Structures are given as C-alpha cells and as structure tokens.
Amino acid sequence: MRFFDRDKRDRGRAADVRERERSLSSLTVIDVFGAEAALVSFLTHLDRAHLVVCDPANGAPIYKFRWASGYENGEGVRVQGVLDG
C-alpha cells in the first residue's frame, strides 16, 4: 500500500494494511505492517491530518481519511480516523 498526505506527496509504502472491527465507534481503524522507516515516522506523528491509502497496483484509493491520527502498536502502526464521505 502507498500512503499520501494532504498535498498528494508520497509518504512511503507498507507491506500490509488490515482494517480492525470497531462496533461502538464511528472511527475507522487500520493496522499498518511492514512500513518503511520514513512512513512509520510520518504515521506516528499524524495528529488529525488528511491521509490517503492507495493500492500500489493501480493507484486507486482504498482509504481516504478526512483526518487521521497514528501511534506505534507493537510490530506495526495503528491509524484511526474519520473517512471522507
């Protein structure tokens, strides 16, 4: 997966992204694994920032966050936020 900021700058790639189930919240939560070091730094410093996660094969957006925040979570990074639309 490829990750882009508000200005459509490519912030790096990760090997795997998994969505977590959250029944009592309107937030979308994803876990990011196998991310490049620069991407880990970017994601862990997100604080209610715009984020787009795209399919590397065709560039199509998979997640378009209106705002997202991230933090380290074990072997990966957890990102949570509100999707556009």
N, C-alpha and C. Protein backbone atom coordinates (compact mmCIF):
# COMPACT_ATOMS: atom_id res chain seq x y z
N MET A 1 0.85 -1.17 0.00
CA MET A 1 0.00 0.00 0.00
C MET A 1 0.90 1.24 0.00
N ARG A 2 0.42 2.28 -0.65
CA ARG A 2 1.14 3.55 -0.69
C ARG A 2 0.32 4.58 0.08
N PHE A 3 1.01 5.50 0.74
CA PHE A 3 0.38 6.48 1.61
C PHE A 3 0.72 7.88 1.12
N PHE A 4 -0.30 8.76 1.10
CA PHE A 4 -0.15 10.12 0.61
C PHE A 4 -0.72 11.11 1.61
N ASP A 5 -0.09 12.29 1.70
CA ASP A 5 -0.57 13.33 2.61
C ASP A 5 -1.53 14.27 1.88
N ARG A 6 -1.94 15.32 2.56
CA ARG A 6 -2.90 16.29 2.03
C ARG A 6 -2.44 16.90 0.71
N ASP A 7 -1.13 17.07 0.54
CA ASP A 7 -0.58 17.68 -0.67
C ASP A 7 -0.25 16.66 -1.75
N LYS A 8 -0.76 15.44 -1.58
CA LYS A 8 -0.57 14.34 -2.53
C LYS A 8 0.89 13.90 -2.65
N ARG A 9 1.68 14.19 -1.60
CA ARG A 9 3.07 13.72 -1.57
C ARG A 9 3.08 12.26 -1.12
N ASP A 10 3.86 11.47 -1.81
CA ASP A 10 4.03 10.05 -1.48
C ASP A 10 4.86 9.95 -0.21
N ARG A 11 4.28 9.40 0.85
CA ARG A 11 4.96 9.31 2.14
C ARG A 11 5.59 7.94 2.38
N GLY A 12 5.41 7.00 1.46
CA GLY A 12 6.04 5.70 1.59
C GLY A 12 5.06 4.56 1.40
N ARG A 13 5.61 3.34 1.60
CA ARG A 13 4.77 2.16 1.39
C ARG A 13 4.87 1.20 2.55
N ALA A 14 3.88 0.34 2.64
CA ALA A 14 3.83 -0.70 3.66
C ALA A 14 3.41 -2.00 3.00
N ALA A 15 3.85 -3.10 3.57
CA ALA A 15 3.55 -4.42 3.01
C ALA A 15 2.11 -4.84 3.23
N ASP A 16 1.51 -4.42 4.36
CA ASP A 16 0.18 -4.91 4.69
C ASP A 16 -0.60 -3.88 5.48
N VAL A 17 -1.90 -3.78 5.19
CA VAL A 17 -2.83 -2.93 5.94
C VAL A 17 -4.06 -3.76 6.24
N ARG A 18 -4.44 -3.77 7.51
CA ARG A 18 -5.62 -4.54 7.93
C ARG A 18 -6.59 -3.64 8.69
N GLU A 19 -7.84 -3.68 8.29
CA GLU A 19 -8.86 -2.90 8.98
C GLU A 19 -9.32 -3.66 10.21
N ARG A 20 -9.51 -2.94 11.30
CA ARG A 20 -9.98 -3.53 12.55
C ARG A 20 -11.47 -3.25 12.71
N GLU A 21 -12.17 -4.18 13.30
CA GLU A 21 -13.60 -4.02 13.58
C GLU A 21 -13.78 -3.14 14.81
N ARG A 22 -14.66 -2.13 14.70
CA ARG A 22 -14.98 -1.25 15.83
C ARG A 22 -16.48 -1.01 15.80
N SER A 23 -17.21 -1.75 16.58
CA SER A 23 -18.67 -1.67 16.52
C SER A 23 -19.25 -0.45 17.25
N LEU A 24 -18.57 0.06 18.24
CA LEU A 24 -19.13 1.14 19.05
C LEU A 24 -18.54 2.51 18.73
N SER A 25 -17.89 2.64 17.60
CA SER A 25 -17.24 3.90 17.27
C SER A 25 -17.44 4.22 15.79
N SER A 26 -17.46 5.49 15.49
CA SER A 26 -17.57 5.91 14.08
C SER A 26 -16.19 6.01 13.43
N LEU A 27 -15.13 5.75 14.19
CA LEU A 27 -13.78 5.83 13.64
C LEU A 27 -13.46 4.57 12.84
N THR A 28 -12.69 4.74 11.79
CA THR A 28 -12.12 3.63 11.05
C THR A 28 -10.71 3.42 11.57
N VAL A 29 -10.37 2.17 11.86
CA VAL A 29 -9.06 1.85 12.43
C VAL A 29 -8.36 0.85 11.52
N ILE A 30 -7.11 1.17 11.15
CA ILE A 30 -6.31 0.25 10.36
C ILE A 30 -4.99 0.00 11.07
N ASP A 31 -4.46 -1.20 10.90
CA ASP A 31 -3.13 -1.54 11.38
C ASP A 31 -2.23 -1.65 10.17
N VAL A 32 -1.07 -1.02 10.25
CA VAL A 32 -0.12 -0.97 9.14
C VAL A 32 1.12 -1.76 9.53
N PHE A 33 1.51 -2.72 8.69
CA PHE A 33 2.66 -3.59 8.97
C PHE A 33 3.67 -3.51 7.83
N GLY A 34 4.93 -3.68 8.17
CA GLY A 34 5.98 -3.71 7.16
C GLY A 34 6.19 -2.37 6.49
N ALA A 35 6.05 -1.29 7.24
CA ALA A 35 6.19 0.05 6.67
C ALA A 35 7.66 0.48 6.64
N GLU A 36 7.99 1.26 5.63
CA GLU A 36 9.32 1.87 5.55
C GLU A 36 9.50 2.79 6.74
N ALA A 37 10.75 2.99 7.17
CA ALA A 37 11.04 3.80 8.35
C ALA A 37 10.47 5.21 8.24
N ALA A 38 10.59 5.83 7.08
CA ALA A 38 10.06 7.19 6.90
C ALA A 38 8.54 7.21 7.04
N LEU A 39 7.88 6.17 6.56
CA LEU A 39 6.43 6.10 6.69
C LEU A 39 6.02 5.90 8.14
N VAL A 40 6.73 5.05 8.87
CA VAL A 40 6.44 4.85 10.30
C VAL A 40 6.52 6.19 11.02
N SER A 41 7.57 6.95 10.75
CA SER A 41 7.72 8.26 11.39
C SER A 41 6.56 9.19 11.02
N PHE A 42 6.19 9.22 9.76
CA PHE A 42 5.08 10.06 9.32
C PHE A 42 3.78 9.65 10.02
N LEU A 43 3.47 8.36 10.00
CA LEU A 43 2.21 7.89 10.58
C LEU A 43 2.13 8.11 12.08
N THR A 44 3.23 7.90 12.79
CA THR A 44 3.20 8.07 14.24
C THR A 44 3.14 9.53 14.67
N HIS A 45 3.36 10.44 13.73
CA HIS A 45 3.24 11.86 14.03
C HIS A 45 1.96 12.48 13.47
N LEU A 46 1.11 11.66 12.87
CA LEU A 46 -0.18 12.18 12.39
C LEU A 46 -1.01 12.64 13.58
N ASP A 47 -1.58 13.81 13.47
CA ASP A 47 -2.47 14.32 14.51
C ASP A 47 -3.63 15.03 13.83
N ARG A 48 -4.67 14.25 13.56
CA ARG A 48 -5.86 14.76 12.87
C ARG A 48 -5.50 15.36 11.52
N ALA A 49 -4.72 14.60 10.75
CA ALA A 49 -4.26 15.04 9.43
C ALA A 49 -4.90 14.21 8.33
N HIS A 50 -4.97 14.78 7.15
CA HIS A 50 -5.51 14.11 5.96
C HIS A 50 -4.56 12.97 5.56
N LEU A 51 -5.12 11.83 5.14
CA LEU A 51 -4.32 10.68 4.74
C LEU A 51 -5.07 9.88 3.69
N VAL A 52 -4.35 9.45 2.65
CA VAL A 52 -4.93 8.59 1.62
C VAL A 52 -4.05 7.35 1.50
N VAL A 53 -4.68 6.18 1.53
CA VAL A 53 -4.00 4.90 1.37
C VAL A 53 -4.45 4.33 0.02
N CYS A 54 -3.46 4.05 -0.85
CA CYS A 54 -3.77 3.61 -2.21
C CYS A 54 -3.23 2.21 -2.50
N ASP A 55 -3.92 1.54 -3.40
CA ASP A 55 -3.50 0.24 -3.91
C ASP A 55 -2.27 0.47 -4.80
N PRO A 56 -1.15 -0.21 -4.52
CA PRO A 56 0.05 0.02 -5.31
C PRO A 56 -0.06 -0.48 -6.75
N ALA A 57 -0.95 -1.42 -7.01
CA ALA A 57 -1.08 -1.99 -8.35
C ALA A 57 -1.72 -1.03 -9.34
N ASN A 58 -2.77 -0.31 -8.87
CA ASN A 58 -3.48 0.56 -9.80
C ASN A 58 -3.62 2.00 -9.32
N GLY A 59 -3.13 2.31 -8.13
CA GLY A 59 -3.18 3.67 -7.59
C GLY A 59 -4.53 4.10 -7.07
N ALA A 60 -5.51 3.20 -7.07
CA ALA A 60 -6.85 3.56 -6.59
C ALA A 60 -6.86 3.72 -5.07
N PRO A 61 -7.53 4.76 -4.58
CA PRO A 61 -7.63 4.95 -3.13
C PRO A 61 -8.42 3.82 -2.48
N ILE A 62 -7.89 3.33 -1.37
CA ILE A 62 -8.58 2.32 -0.57
C ILE A 62 -9.21 2.98 0.65
N TYR A 63 -8.45 3.86 1.29
CA TYR A 63 -8.95 4.65 2.42
C TYR A 63 -8.61 6.11 2.17
N LYS A 64 -9.61 6.98 2.32
CA LYS A 64 -9.40 8.42 2.23
C LYS A 64 -9.87 9.00 3.56
N PHE A 65 -8.93 9.29 4.44
CA PHE A 65 -9.27 9.84 5.75
C PHE A 65 -9.39 11.35 5.67
N ARG A 66 -10.51 11.87 6.15
CA ARG A 66 -10.66 13.32 6.32
C ARG A 66 -9.64 13.79 7.36
N TRP A 67 -9.55 13.01 8.42
CA TRP A 67 -8.48 13.21 9.40
C TRP A 67 -8.12 11.86 10.00
N ALA A 68 -6.85 11.74 10.38
CA ALA A 68 -6.36 10.51 10.99
C ALA A 68 -5.25 10.83 11.97
N SER A 69 -5.12 9.98 12.97
CA SER A 69 -4.03 10.06 13.93
C SER A 69 -3.41 8.67 14.03
N GLY A 70 -2.12 8.61 14.32
CA GLY A 70 -1.45 7.32 14.37
C GLY A 70 -0.53 7.18 15.57
N TYR A 71 -0.25 5.93 15.92
CA TYR A 71 0.66 5.65 17.03
C TYR A 71 1.24 4.25 16.86
N GLU A 72 2.42 4.04 17.44
CA GLU A 72 3.04 2.72 17.38
C GLU A 72 2.19 1.74 18.16
N ASN A 73 2.09 0.52 17.63
CA ASN A 73 1.29 -0.51 18.27
C ASN A 73 1.96 -1.86 18.04
N GLY A 74 2.84 -2.23 18.94
CA GLY A 74 3.56 -3.50 18.78
C GLY A 74 4.46 -3.47 17.56
N GLU A 75 4.25 -4.42 16.64
CA GLU A 75 5.08 -4.51 15.44
C GLU A 75 4.64 -3.58 14.32
N GLY A 76 3.54 -2.89 14.51
CA GLY A 76 3.02 -2.04 13.45
C GLY A 76 2.65 -0.66 13.95
N VAL A 77 1.88 0.03 13.13
CA VAL A 77 1.37 1.35 13.47
C VAL A 77 -0.15 1.28 13.35
N ARG A 78 -0.84 1.78 14.34
CA ARG A 78 -2.30 1.84 14.30
C ARG A 78 -2.69 3.26 13.90
N VAL A 79 -3.57 3.35 12.92
CA VAL A 79 -4.09 4.63 12.45
C VAL A 79 -5.59 4.61 12.63
N GLN A 80 -6.14 5.68 13.18
CA GLN A 80 -7.58 5.76 13.35
C GLN A 80 -8.04 7.15 12.94
N GLY A 81 -9.23 7.20 12.37
CA GLY A 81 -9.74 8.48 11.94
C GLY A 81 -11.10 8.37 11.29
N VAL A 82 -11.51 9.48 10.66
CA VAL A 82 -12.81 9.59 10.01
C VAL A 82 -12.59 9.63 8.51
N LEU A 83 -13.31 8.77 7.81
CA LEU A 83 -13.19 8.70 6.36
C LEU A 83 -13.95 9.85 5.69
N ASP A 84 -13.47 10.27 4.51
CA ASP A 84 -14.21 11.22 3.68
C ASP A 84 -15.48 10.56 3.18
N GLY A 85 -16.53 11.35 3.10
CA GLY A 85 -17.77 10.83 2.51
C GLY A 85 -18.47 9.94 3.39
